[in-house]
Amino acid sequence: MARDKGLHSGKFTVLIRGGGDLATGIGWRLHRCGFRILVTEVPQPLSIRRRVCFSEAVYQGRTVVEGIEAHLIDETGEASLLWEKRIVPVMVDPACESKEEVKPDVLVDAIMAKKNLGTSISHAPLVIAIGPGFEVGKDAHYVVETKRGHYLGRIIETGQAAPDTGIPGKIMGHGAERVIRAPVAGKVQNLKEIGDHVSQGDVVCTVGGQEVKAAISGVIRGLIRSGIKVPQGLKIGDIDPRGQVEHCFTISEKALAVGGGVLEGILRKYSV
C-alpha cells in the first residue's frame, strides 16, 4: 500500500488481537490519533483490569474506557458503521479470521500469551507483536518491549523482547505478593470489587469455595469476573499498594508506553 493512502486517508485500519489492558491502551491511543481500530477476542476473556479493557464488550455488549466506546459486533461488515461513529468494534474471533475481510494495514498481536498463537508476519503489511514470544523478522516486523524498566515501550528491531520471568514488576517494593492467584481450580466468586480498599488478610474472593485473602494492603486494581471457572495458579486479581482509586479506572502508564511504541512503529513505516 502506498504511504499516502494510509495515514492521510482517514481509512487506515489497525486490527488488534486481544482486548486486555495493554491491548486496550494500544487501541485507545491509536483511536485517539484517528486510526480505525478493530479488536478481536476469545469467547471468554480473562481480563483482570476489566474497567479499562475493551474485552468487557464481549460480556456486556458495550463498554467505555476513558471516554472511548467499544461495541461488540457479530460480523466484520458492522465495523465500518461503528468507525463512522468513532466507536471501537470488538469481535469474538480467536483465530483472527476477520483479517481476510478487513485486510488491515497493521496487525498488532497484543494477546500477551508469552508465545505466538498463530500470528504471521505475512498477515498484514506491518505486523507488530507485543512482549515475549515473538522474533523480529520471523513473526513480526517489530516487537515492543513490555517489561517494566528502562526499555519499556521501546521498538525492538532485531531479536526478541525480554523473556517472561513470571515475576511481576515491583510497585512500592511489592512484586509477586500484589498479584492474586487462584489457589485451586474452580469458579470465582468475588466478595470485593475493583476500586475497593483492602487490608492485608481481607478476603477478596473465593475460588472453588476456598477463600482468597489479600497479601498486602491497597486498592483492588484488577479482579476477574465472578462466575468464571479458572485453573489453579491463574492470575485473578491485582492489588495496588499505592491506594489510588482513580488508577483502577484509567489506563496504566505501562499500557500507554506500549501504545506509544506501537504508534512509533506505524509512523516509521507509513509517515511521510
C-alpha atoms as a PDB file:
ATOM      1  CA  MET A   1       0.000   0.000   0.000  1.00  0.00           C
ATOM      2  CA  ALA A   2       1.327   3.435  -0.883  1.00  0.00           C
ATOM      3  CA  ARG A   3       2.284   5.509   2.102  1.00  0.00           C
ATOM      4  CA  ASP A   4      -0.004   8.459   1.315  1.00  0.00           C
ATOM      5  CA  LYS A   5      -3.042   6.162   1.038  1.00  0.00           C
ATOM      6  CA  GLY A   6      -2.964   5.265   4.705  1.00  0.00           C
ATOM      7  CA  LEU A   7      -2.350   7.860   7.376  1.00  0.00           C
ATOM      8  CA  HIS A   8      -3.855  10.737   5.422  1.00  0.00           C
ATOM      9  CA  SER A   9      -6.920   8.988   4.018  1.00  0.00           C
ATOM     10  CA  GLY A  10      -8.894   8.569   7.256  1.00  0.00           C
ATOM     11  CA  LYS A  11      -9.324   4.887   6.424  1.00  0.00           C
ATOM     12  CA  PHE A  12      -6.167   3.457   7.950  1.00  0.00           C
ATOM     13  CA  THR A  13      -7.106   0.226   9.746  1.00  0.00           C
ATOM     14  CA  VAL A  14      -5.368  -1.488  12.648  1.00  0.00           C
ATOM     15  CA  LEU A  15      -6.500  -4.936  13.788  1.00  0.00           C
ATOM     16  CA  ILE A  16      -5.543  -5.686  17.395  1.00  0.00           C
ATOM     17  CA  ARG A  17      -5.553  -9.267  18.615  1.00  0.00           C
ATOM     18  CA  GLY A  18      -6.594  -9.092  22.264  1.00  0.00           C
ATOM     19  CA  GLY A  19      -8.681  -6.701  24.331  1.00  0.00           C
ATOM     20  CA  GLY A  20      -6.902  -6.787  27.689  1.00  0.00           C
ATOM     21  CA  ASP A  21      -5.362  -3.810  29.458  1.00  0.00           C
ATOM     22  CA  LEU A  22      -2.238  -3.484  27.308  1.00  0.00           C
ATOM     23  CA  ALA A  23      -4.164  -4.110  24.092  1.00  0.00           C
ATOM     24  CA  THR A  24      -6.732  -1.522  25.156  1.00  0.00           C
ATOM     25  CA  GLY A  25      -4.029   1.021  25.938  1.00  0.00           C
ATOM     26  CA  ILE A  26      -2.723   0.497  22.403  1.00  0.00           C
ATOM     27  CA  GLY A  27      -6.165   0.705  20.829  1.00  0.00           C
ATOM     28  CA  TRP A  28      -7.177   3.727  22.893  1.00  0.00           C
ATOM     29  CA  ARG A  29      -4.038   5.644  21.935  1.00  0.00           C
ATOM     30  CA  LEU A  30      -4.333   4.784  18.226  1.00  0.00           C
ATOM     31  CA  HIS A  31      -8.049   5.591  18.198  1.00  0.00           C
ATOM     32  CA  ARG A  32      -7.321   8.995  19.694  1.00  0.00           C
ATOM     33  CA  CYS A  33      -4.859   9.542  16.837  1.00  0.00           C
ATOM     34  CA  GLY A  34      -7.533   8.851  14.216  1.00  0.00           C
ATOM     35  CA  PHE A  35      -6.898   5.224  13.286  1.00  0.00           C
ATOM     36  CA  ARG A  36      -9.745   2.781  12.667  1.00  0.00           C
ATOM     37  CA  ILE A  37      -9.388   0.009  15.257  1.00  0.00           C
ATOM     38  CA  LEU A  38     -10.839  -3.500  15.253  1.00  0.00           C
ATOM     39  CA  VAL A  39     -10.301  -5.624  18.375  1.00  0.00           C
ATOM     40  CA  THR A  40     -10.582  -9.424  18.238  1.00  0.00           C
ATOM     41  CA  GLU A  41     -11.080 -11.542  21.336  1.00  0.00           C
ATOM     42  CA  VAL A  42     -11.798 -15.047  22.611  1.00  0.00           C
ATOM     43  CA  PRO A  43     -15.334 -16.109  23.673  1.00  0.00           C
ATOM     44  CA  GLN A  44     -14.481 -15.806  27.383  1.00  0.00           C
ATOM     45  CA  PRO A  45     -11.826 -13.145  28.013  1.00  0.00           C
ATOM     46  CA  LEU A  46      -9.932 -13.443  31.310  1.00  0.00           C
ATOM     47  CA  SER A  47      -9.028  -9.775  31.679  1.00  0.00           C
ATOM     48  CA  ILE A  48      -8.136  -8.645  35.201  1.00  0.00           C
ATOM     49  CA  ARG A  49      -8.249  -4.859  34.809  1.00  0.00           C
ATOM     50  CA  ARG A  50     -11.784  -5.079  33.431  1.00  0.00           C
ATOM     51  CA  ARG A  51     -12.653  -1.405  33.930  1.00  0.00           C
ATOM     52  CA  VAL A  52     -10.045  -0.407  31.362  1.00  0.00           C
ATOM     53  CA  CYS A  53     -10.408  -3.304  28.914  1.00  0.00           C
ATOM     54  CA  PHE A  54     -12.256  -3.298  25.607  1.00  0.00           C
ATOM     55  CA  SER A  55     -12.704  -7.056  26.159  1.00  0.00           C
ATOM     56  CA  GLU A  56     -15.580  -6.258  28.545  1.00  0.00           C
ATOM     57  CA  ALA A  57     -17.720  -5.564  25.479  1.00  0.00           C
ATOM     58  CA  VAL A  58     -17.769  -9.336  24.889  1.00  0.00           C
ATOM     59  CA  TYR A  59     -19.764  -9.770  28.119  1.00  0.00           C
ATOM     60  CA  GLN A  60     -21.727  -6.523  28.208  1.00  0.00           C
ATOM     61  CA  GLY A  61     -22.255  -5.697  24.548  1.00  0.00           C
ATOM     62  CA  ARG A  62     -20.545  -2.342  25.048  1.00  0.00           C
ATOM     63  CA  THR A  63     -18.053  -0.686  27.345  1.00  0.00           C
ATOM     64  CA  VAL A  64     -16.395   2.711  27.740  1.00  0.00           C
ATOM     65  CA  VAL A  65     -12.720   3.248  28.569  1.00  0.00           C
ATOM     66  CA  GLU A  66     -11.682   6.818  29.325  1.00  0.00           C
ATOM     67  CA  GLY A  67     -14.363   8.242  27.060  1.00  0.00           C
ATOM     68  CA  ILE A  68     -13.877   5.807  24.167  1.00  0.00           C
ATOM     69  CA  GLU A  69     -16.791   3.480  23.444  1.00  0.00           C
ATOM     70  CA  ALA A  70     -16.337  -0.117  22.283  1.00  0.00           C
ATOM     71  CA  HIS A  71     -19.225  -2.234  20.964  1.00  0.00           C
ATOM     72  CA  LEU A  72     -19.453  -5.960  20.286  1.00  0.00           C
ATOM     73  CA  ILE A  73     -20.173  -6.910  16.679  1.00  0.00           C
ATOM     74  CA  ASP A  74     -21.083 -10.245  15.116  1.00  0.00           C
ATOM     75  CA  GLU A  75     -19.504  -9.782  11.700  1.00  0.00           C
ATOM     76  CA  THR A  76     -16.871  -7.579  10.093  1.00  0.00           C
ATOM     77  CA  GLY A  77     -19.424  -5.749   7.955  1.00  0.00           C
ATOM     78  CA  GLU A  78     -20.656  -3.968  11.076  1.00  0.00           C
ATOM     79  CA  ALA A  79     -17.252  -2.436  11.775  1.00  0.00           C
ATOM     80  CA  SER A  80     -17.499   0.352   9.196  1.00  0.00           C
ATOM     81  CA  LEU A  81     -20.724   1.649  10.749  1.00  0.00           C
ATOM     82  CA  LEU A  82     -19.035   1.959  14.138  1.00  0.00           C
ATOM     83  CA  TRP A  83     -15.929   3.569  12.665  1.00  0.00           C
ATOM     84  CA  GLU A  84     -18.128   6.306  11.217  1.00  0.00           C
ATOM     85  CA  LYS A  85     -19.423   6.962  14.739  1.00  0.00           C
ATOM     86  CA  ARG A  86     -15.906   6.891  16.239  1.00  0.00           C
ATOM     87  CA  ILE A  87     -16.670   3.690  18.163  1.00  0.00           C
ATOM     88  CA  VAL A  88     -14.247   0.767  18.504  1.00  0.00           C
ATOM     89  CA  PRO A  89     -15.690  -2.546  17.235  1.00  0.00           C
ATOM     90  CA  VAL A  90     -14.905  -5.707  19.205  1.00  0.00           C
ATOM     91  CA  MET A  91     -15.398  -9.132  17.658  1.00  0.00           C
ATOM     92  CA  VAL A  92     -15.158 -12.666  19.020  1.00  0.00           C
ATOM     93  CA  ASP A  93     -12.619 -14.090  16.608  1.00  0.00           C
ATOM     94  CA  PRO A  94      -9.908 -16.116  18.378  1.00  0.00           C
ATOM     95  CA  ALA A  95      -8.347 -17.339  15.114  1.00  0.00           C
ATOM     96  CA  CYS A  96      -8.316 -13.787  13.691  1.00  0.00           C
ATOM     97  CA  GLU A  97     -10.168 -14.887  10.570  1.00  0.00           C
ATOM     98  CA  SER A  98     -11.569 -11.355  10.208  1.00  0.00           C
ATOM     99  CA  LYS A  99      -8.235 -10.186   8.832  1.00  0.00           C
ATOM    100  CA  GLU A 100      -9.122 -11.791   5.494  1.00  0.00           C
ATOM    101  CA  GLU A 101     -12.092  -9.436   5.051  1.00  0.00           C
ATOM    102  CA  VAL A 102     -10.764  -6.373   6.863  1.00  0.00           C
ATOM    103  CA  LYS A 103      -7.320  -6.530   5.232  1.00  0.00           C
ATOM    104  CA  PRO A 104      -5.740  -4.325   7.916  1.00  0.00           C
ATOM    105  CA  ASP A 105      -2.844  -2.015   7.203  1.00  0.00           C
ATOM    106  CA  VAL A 106      -1.393  -3.071  10.567  1.00  0.00           C
ATOM    107  CA  LEU A 107      -1.939  -6.149  12.704  1.00  0.00           C
ATOM    108  CA  VAL A 108      -0.931  -5.937  16.363  1.00  0.00           C
ATOM    109  CA  ASP A 109      -0.652  -9.121  18.423  1.00  0.00           C
ATOM    110  CA  ALA A 110      -1.368  -7.966  21.977  1.00  0.00           C
ATOM    111  CA  ILE A 111      -2.720 -11.239  23.351  1.00  0.00           C
ATOM    112  CA  MET A 112       0.139 -11.375  25.878  1.00  0.00           C
ATOM    113  CA  ALA A 113       0.221 -15.173  25.862  1.00  0.00           C
ATOM    114  CA  LYS A 114       4.044 -15.098  26.115  1.00  0.00           C
ATOM    115  CA  LYS A 115       4.084 -17.131  22.908  1.00  0.00           C
ATOM    116  CA  ASN A 116       2.867 -16.833  19.344  1.00  0.00           C
ATOM    117  CA  LEU A 117      -0.676 -18.175  18.978  1.00  0.00           C
ATOM    118  CA  GLY A 118      -0.832 -18.000  15.206  1.00  0.00           C
ATOM    119  CA  THR A 119       0.247 -14.531  14.116  1.00  0.00           C
ATOM    120  CA  SER A 120       2.337 -14.444  10.940  1.00  0.00           C
ATOM    121  CA  ILE A 121       4.491 -11.675   9.569  1.00  0.00           C
ATOM    122  CA  SER A 122       2.531 -12.098   6.335  1.00  0.00           C
ATOM    123  CA  HIS A 123      -0.843 -11.242   7.919  1.00  0.00           C
ATOM    124  CA  ALA A 124      -0.542  -7.511   7.164  1.00  0.00           C
ATOM    125  CA  PRO A 125       1.855  -5.043   5.528  1.00  0.00           C
ATOM    126  CA  LEU A 126       3.021  -4.222   9.051  1.00  0.00           C
ATOM    127  CA  VAL A 127       2.836  -6.718  11.918  1.00  0.00           C
ATOM    128  CA  ILE A 128       3.767  -5.578  15.429  1.00  0.00           C
ATOM    129  CA  ALA A 129       3.942  -8.019  18.328  1.00  0.00           C
ATOM    130  CA  ILE A 130       3.799  -7.114  21.998  1.00  0.00           C
ATOM    131  CA  GLY A 131       6.083  -8.692  24.571  1.00  0.00           C
ATOM    132  CA  PRO A 132       7.956 -12.002  24.649  1.00  0.00           C
ATOM    133  CA  GLY A 133       7.383 -14.981  22.378  1.00  0.00           C
ATOM    134  CA  PHE A 134       7.986 -13.261  19.013  1.00  0.00           C
ATOM    135  CA  GLU A 135      11.090 -12.832  16.881  1.00  0.00           C
ATOM    136  CA  VAL A 136      11.589  -9.794  14.683  1.00  0.00           C
ATOM    137  CA  GLY A 137      11.803 -10.739  11.012  1.00  0.00           C
ATOM    138  CA  LYS A 138      10.240 -14.134  11.625  1.00  0.00           C
ATOM    139  CA  ASP A 139       6.951 -13.497  13.460  1.00  0.00           C
ATOM    140  CA  ALA A 140       6.637  -9.729  13.152  1.00  0.00           C
ATOM    141  CA  HIS A 141       8.261  -6.660  11.627  1.00  0.00           C
ATOM    142  CA  TYR A 142       8.630  -5.060  15.051  1.00  0.00           C
ATOM    143  CA  VAL A 143       8.299  -6.173  18.667  1.00  0.00           C
ATOM    144  CA  VAL A 144       7.520  -3.766  21.521  1.00  0.00           C
ATOM    145  CA  GLU A 145       9.089  -4.287  24.945  1.00  0.00           C
ATOM    146  CA  THR A 146       6.584  -4.791  27.784  1.00  0.00           C
ATOM    147  CA  LYS A 147       8.913  -5.422  30.725  1.00  0.00           C
ATOM    148  CA  ARG A 148       8.823  -2.607  33.281  1.00  0.00           C
ATOM    149  CA  GLY A 149      12.030  -0.657  33.456  1.00  0.00           C
ATOM    150  CA  HIS A 150      14.344   1.338  31.243  1.00  0.00           C
ATOM    151  CA  TYR A 151      13.326  -0.312  27.952  1.00  0.00           C
ATOM    152  CA  LEU A 152       9.538  -0.361  28.434  1.00  0.00           C
ATOM    153  CA  GLY A 153       7.726   0.662  25.246  1.00  0.00           C
ATOM    154  CA  ARG A 154      10.820   0.594  23.041  1.00  0.00           C
ATOM    155  CA  ILE A 155      10.706  -0.765  19.490  1.00  0.00           C
ATOM    156  CA  ILE A 156      12.840  -3.876  19.037  1.00  0.00           C
ATOM    157  CA  GLU A 157      14.297  -4.160  15.524  1.00  0.00           C
ATOM    158  CA  THR A 158      16.257  -7.378  15.953  1.00  0.00           C
ATOM    159  CA  GLY A 159      15.715 -10.388  18.202  1.00  0.00           C
ATOM    160  CA  GLN A 160      13.009 -10.631  20.834  1.00  0.00           C
ATOM    161  CA  ALA A 161      11.601  -8.863  23.870  1.00  0.00           C
ATOM    162  CA  ALA A 162      12.945  -9.710  27.319  1.00  0.00           C
ATOM    163  CA  PRO A 163      11.835 -13.223  28.336  1.00  0.00           C
ATOM    164  CA  ASP A 164       8.983 -13.644  30.777  1.00  0.00           C
ATOM    165  CA  THR A 165      10.340 -14.236  34.277  1.00  0.00           C
ATOM    166  CA  GLY A 166       6.975 -14.930  35.850  1.00  0.00           C
ATOM    167  CA  ILE A 167       7.819 -12.302  38.478  1.00  0.00           C
ATOM    168  CA  PRO A 168       5.621  -9.169  38.408  1.00  0.00           C
ATOM    169  CA  GLY A 169       7.325  -5.797  38.357  1.00  0.00           C
ATOM    170  CA  LYS A 170       7.564  -4.139  41.755  1.00  0.00           C
ATOM    171  CA  ILE A 171       5.337  -1.266  42.856  1.00  0.00           C
ATOM    172  CA  MET A 172       6.358   0.394  46.123  1.00  0.00           C
ATOM    173  CA  GLY A 173       8.562  -2.624  46.828  1.00  0.00           C
ATOM    174  CA  HIS A 174       5.790  -5.177  46.260  1.00  0.00           C
ATOM    175  CA  GLY A 175       6.079  -7.712  43.454  1.00  0.00           C
ATOM    176  CA  ALA A 176       4.586 -11.197  43.473  1.00  0.00           C
ATOM    177  CA  GLU A 177       2.590 -10.503  46.633  1.00  0.00           C
ATOM    178  CA  ARG A 178       0.457  -7.850  44.911  1.00  0.00           C
ATOM    179  CA  VAL A 179      -0.853 -10.441  42.433  1.00  0.00           C
ATOM    180  CA  ILE A 180      -3.827 -12.597  43.432  1.00  0.00           C
ATOM    181  CA  ARG A 181      -3.751 -16.139  42.043  1.00  0.00           C
ATOM    182  CA  ALA A 182      -6.265 -18.962  42.176  1.00  0.00           C
ATOM    183  CA  PRO A 183      -5.210 -21.353  44.983  1.00  0.00           C
ATOM    184  CA  VAL A 184      -7.230 -24.175  43.419  1.00  0.00           C
ATOM    185  CA  ALA A 185      -9.168 -24.797  40.236  1.00  0.00           C
ATOM    186  CA  GLY A 186     -12.802 -23.725  40.429  1.00  0.00           C
ATOM    187  CA  LYS A 187     -15.361 -20.975  39.963  1.00  0.00           C
ATOM    188  CA  VAL A 188     -14.530 -17.453  41.115  1.00  0.00           C
ATOM    189  CA  GLN A 189     -16.942 -15.622  43.387  1.00  0.00           C
ATOM    190  CA  ASN A 190     -15.941 -12.044  44.133  1.00  0.00           C
ATOM    191  CA  LEU A 191     -16.542 -10.579  47.589  1.00  0.00           C
ATOM    192  CA  LYS A 192     -14.804  -7.299  46.761  1.00  0.00           C
ATOM    193  CA  GLU A 193     -14.927  -5.096  43.681  1.00  0.00           C
ATOM    194  CA  ILE A 194     -12.408  -3.199  41.614  1.00  0.00           C
ATOM    195  CA  GLY A 195     -11.713   0.091  43.385  1.00  0.00           C
ATOM    196  CA  ASP A 196     -12.275  -1.291  46.898  1.00  0.00           C
ATOM    197  CA  HIS A 197      -9.635  -0.704  49.547  1.00  0.00           C
ATOM    198  CA  VAL A 198      -8.435  -3.842  51.319  1.00  0.00           C
ATOM    199  CA  SER A 199      -6.146  -4.572  54.238  1.00  0.00           C
ATOM    200  CA  GLN A 200      -3.716  -7.453  54.426  1.00  0.00           C
ATOM    201  CA  GLY A 201      -5.690 -10.573  55.306  1.00  0.00           C
ATOM    202  CA  ASP A 202      -9.049  -9.388  53.945  1.00  0.00           C
ATOM    203  CA  VAL A 203     -10.943 -11.973  51.899  1.00  0.00           C
ATOM    204  CA  VAL A 204     -11.131 -10.734  48.315  1.00  0.00           C
ATOM    205  CA  CYS A 205     -12.938 -13.656  46.679  1.00  0.00           C
ATOM    206  CA  THR A 206     -13.399 -17.396  46.770  1.00  0.00           C
ATOM    207  CA  VAL A 207     -12.267 -19.940  44.204  1.00  0.00           C
ATOM    208  CA  GLY A 208     -13.992 -23.295  44.322  1.00  0.00           C
ATOM    209  CA  GLY A 209     -15.303 -22.260  47.732  1.00  0.00           C
ATOM    210  CA  GLN A 210     -11.804 -21.567  49.115  1.00  0.00           C
ATOM    211  CA  GLU A 211     -11.128 -18.088  50.496  1.00  0.00           C
ATOM    212  CA  VAL A 212      -8.526 -15.950  48.783  1.00  0.00           C
ATOM    213  CA  LYS A 213      -7.008 -13.265  51.019  1.00  0.00           C
ATOM    214  CA  ALA A 214      -5.109 -10.084  50.235  1.00  0.00           C
ATOM    215  CA  ALA A 215      -1.385 -10.496  50.861  1.00  0.00           C
ATOM    216  CA  ILE A 216      -0.868  -6.729  51.092  1.00  0.00           C
ATOM    217  CA  SER A 217      -2.936  -3.632  51.800  1.00  0.00           C
ATOM    218  CA  GLY A 218      -4.000  -1.349  48.969  1.00  0.00           C
ATOM    219  CA  VAL A 219      -6.736  -0.910  46.400  1.00  0.00           C
ATOM    220  CA  ILE A 220      -8.055  -3.669  44.154  1.00  0.00           C
ATOM    221  CA  ARG A 221      -6.940  -2.526  40.714  1.00  0.00           C
ATOM    222  CA  GLY A 222      -7.996  -5.664  38.883  1.00  0.00           C
ATOM    223  CA  LEU A 223     -10.268  -8.627  39.551  1.00  0.00           C
ATOM    224  CA  ILE A 224     -11.513 -11.292  37.157  1.00  0.00           C
ATOM    225  CA  ARG A 225     -15.267 -11.558  36.600  1.00  0.00           C
ATOM    226  CA  SER A 226     -17.345 -13.579  39.045  1.00  0.00           C
ATOM    227  CA  GLY A 227     -18.638 -16.903  37.784  1.00  0.00           C
ATOM    228  CA  ILE A 228     -15.641 -17.771  35.628  1.00  0.00           C
ATOM    229  CA  LYS A 229     -14.019 -21.173  36.133  1.00  0.00           C
ATOM    230  CA  VAL A 230     -10.256 -20.870  36.389  1.00  0.00           C
ATOM    231  CA  PRO A 231      -7.329 -23.278  36.669  1.00  0.00           C
ATOM    232  CA  GLN A 232      -5.115 -23.372  39.739  1.00  0.00           C
ATOM    233  CA  GLY A 233      -2.434 -20.695  39.702  1.00  0.00           C
ATOM    234  CA  LEU A 234      -4.129 -18.357  37.235  1.00  0.00           C
ATOM    235  CA  LYS A 235      -3.769 -14.660  37.940  1.00  0.00           C
ATOM    236  CA  ILE A 236      -7.221 -13.480  39.008  1.00  0.00           C
ATOM    237  CA  GLY A 237      -6.551 -10.140  40.683  1.00  0.00           C
ATOM    238  CA  ASP A 238      -4.148  -7.299  41.345  1.00  0.00           C
ATOM    239  CA  ILE A 239      -3.730  -5.107  44.418  1.00  0.00           C
ATOM    240  CA  ASP A 240      -2.078  -1.717  44.005  1.00  0.00           C
ATOM    241  CA  PRO A 241      -0.264  -0.654  47.199  1.00  0.00           C
ATOM    242  CA  ARG A 242      -0.351   2.993  46.113  1.00  0.00           C
ATOM    243  CA  GLY A 243      -4.047   3.016  47.014  1.00  0.00           C
ATOM    244  CA  GLN A 244      -5.122   5.480  44.318  1.00  0.00           C
ATOM    245  CA  VAL A 245      -8.694   4.547  43.358  1.00  0.00           C
ATOM    246  CA  GLU A 246      -8.603   6.609  40.158  1.00  0.00           C
ATOM    247  CA  HIS A 247      -5.793   4.377  38.879  1.00  0.00           C
ATOM    248  CA  CYS A 248      -8.291   1.494  38.759  1.00  0.00           C
ATOM    249  CA  PHE A 249     -10.380   3.273  36.147  1.00  0.00           C
ATOM    250  CA  THR A 250      -7.685   4.800  33.966  1.00  0.00           C
ATOM    251  CA  ILE A 251      -5.232   3.232  31.536  1.00  0.00           C
ATOM    252  CA  SER A 252      -1.867   2.464  33.106  1.00  0.00           C
ATOM    253  CA  GLU A 253       1.415   4.167  32.304  1.00  0.00           C
ATOM    254  CA  LYS A 254       2.680   0.784  31.095  1.00  0.00           C
ATOM    255  CA  ALA A 255      -0.163   0.355  28.602  1.00  0.00           C
ATOM    256  CA  LEU A 256       0.269   3.888  27.295  1.00  0.00           C
ATOM    257  CA  ALA A 257       4.030   3.394  26.931  1.00  0.00           C
ATOM    258  CA  VAL A 258       3.482   0.209  24.939  1.00  0.00           C
ATOM    259  CA  GLY A 259       0.836   2.012  22.882  1.00  0.00           C
ATOM    260  CA  GLY A 260       3.381   4.706  22.151  1.00  0.00           C
ATOM    261  CA  GLY A 261       5.793   2.068  20.901  1.00  0.00           C
ATOM    262  CA  VAL A 262       3.164   0.692  18.528  1.00  0.00           C
ATOM    263  CA  LEU A 263       2.391   4.195  17.277  1.00  0.00           C
ATOM    264  CA  GLU A 264       6.096   4.761  16.635  1.00  0.00           C
ATOM    265  CA  GLY A 265       6.280   1.527  14.665  1.00  0.00           C
ATOM    266  CA  ILE A 266       3.367   2.594  12.466  1.00  0.00           C
ATOM    267  CA  LEU A 267       4.835   6.034  11.852  1.00  0.00           C
ATOM    268  CA  ARG A 268       8.214   4.566  10.973  1.00  0.00           C
ATOM    269  CA  LYS A 269       6.640   2.635   8.120  1.00  0.00           C
ATOM    270  CA  TYR A 270       3.847   4.898   6.922  1.00  0.00           C
ATOM    271  CA  SER A 271       4.579   8.538   7.743  1.00  0.00           C
ATOM    272  CA  VAL A 272       5.864  10.811   5.048  1.00  0.00           C
END
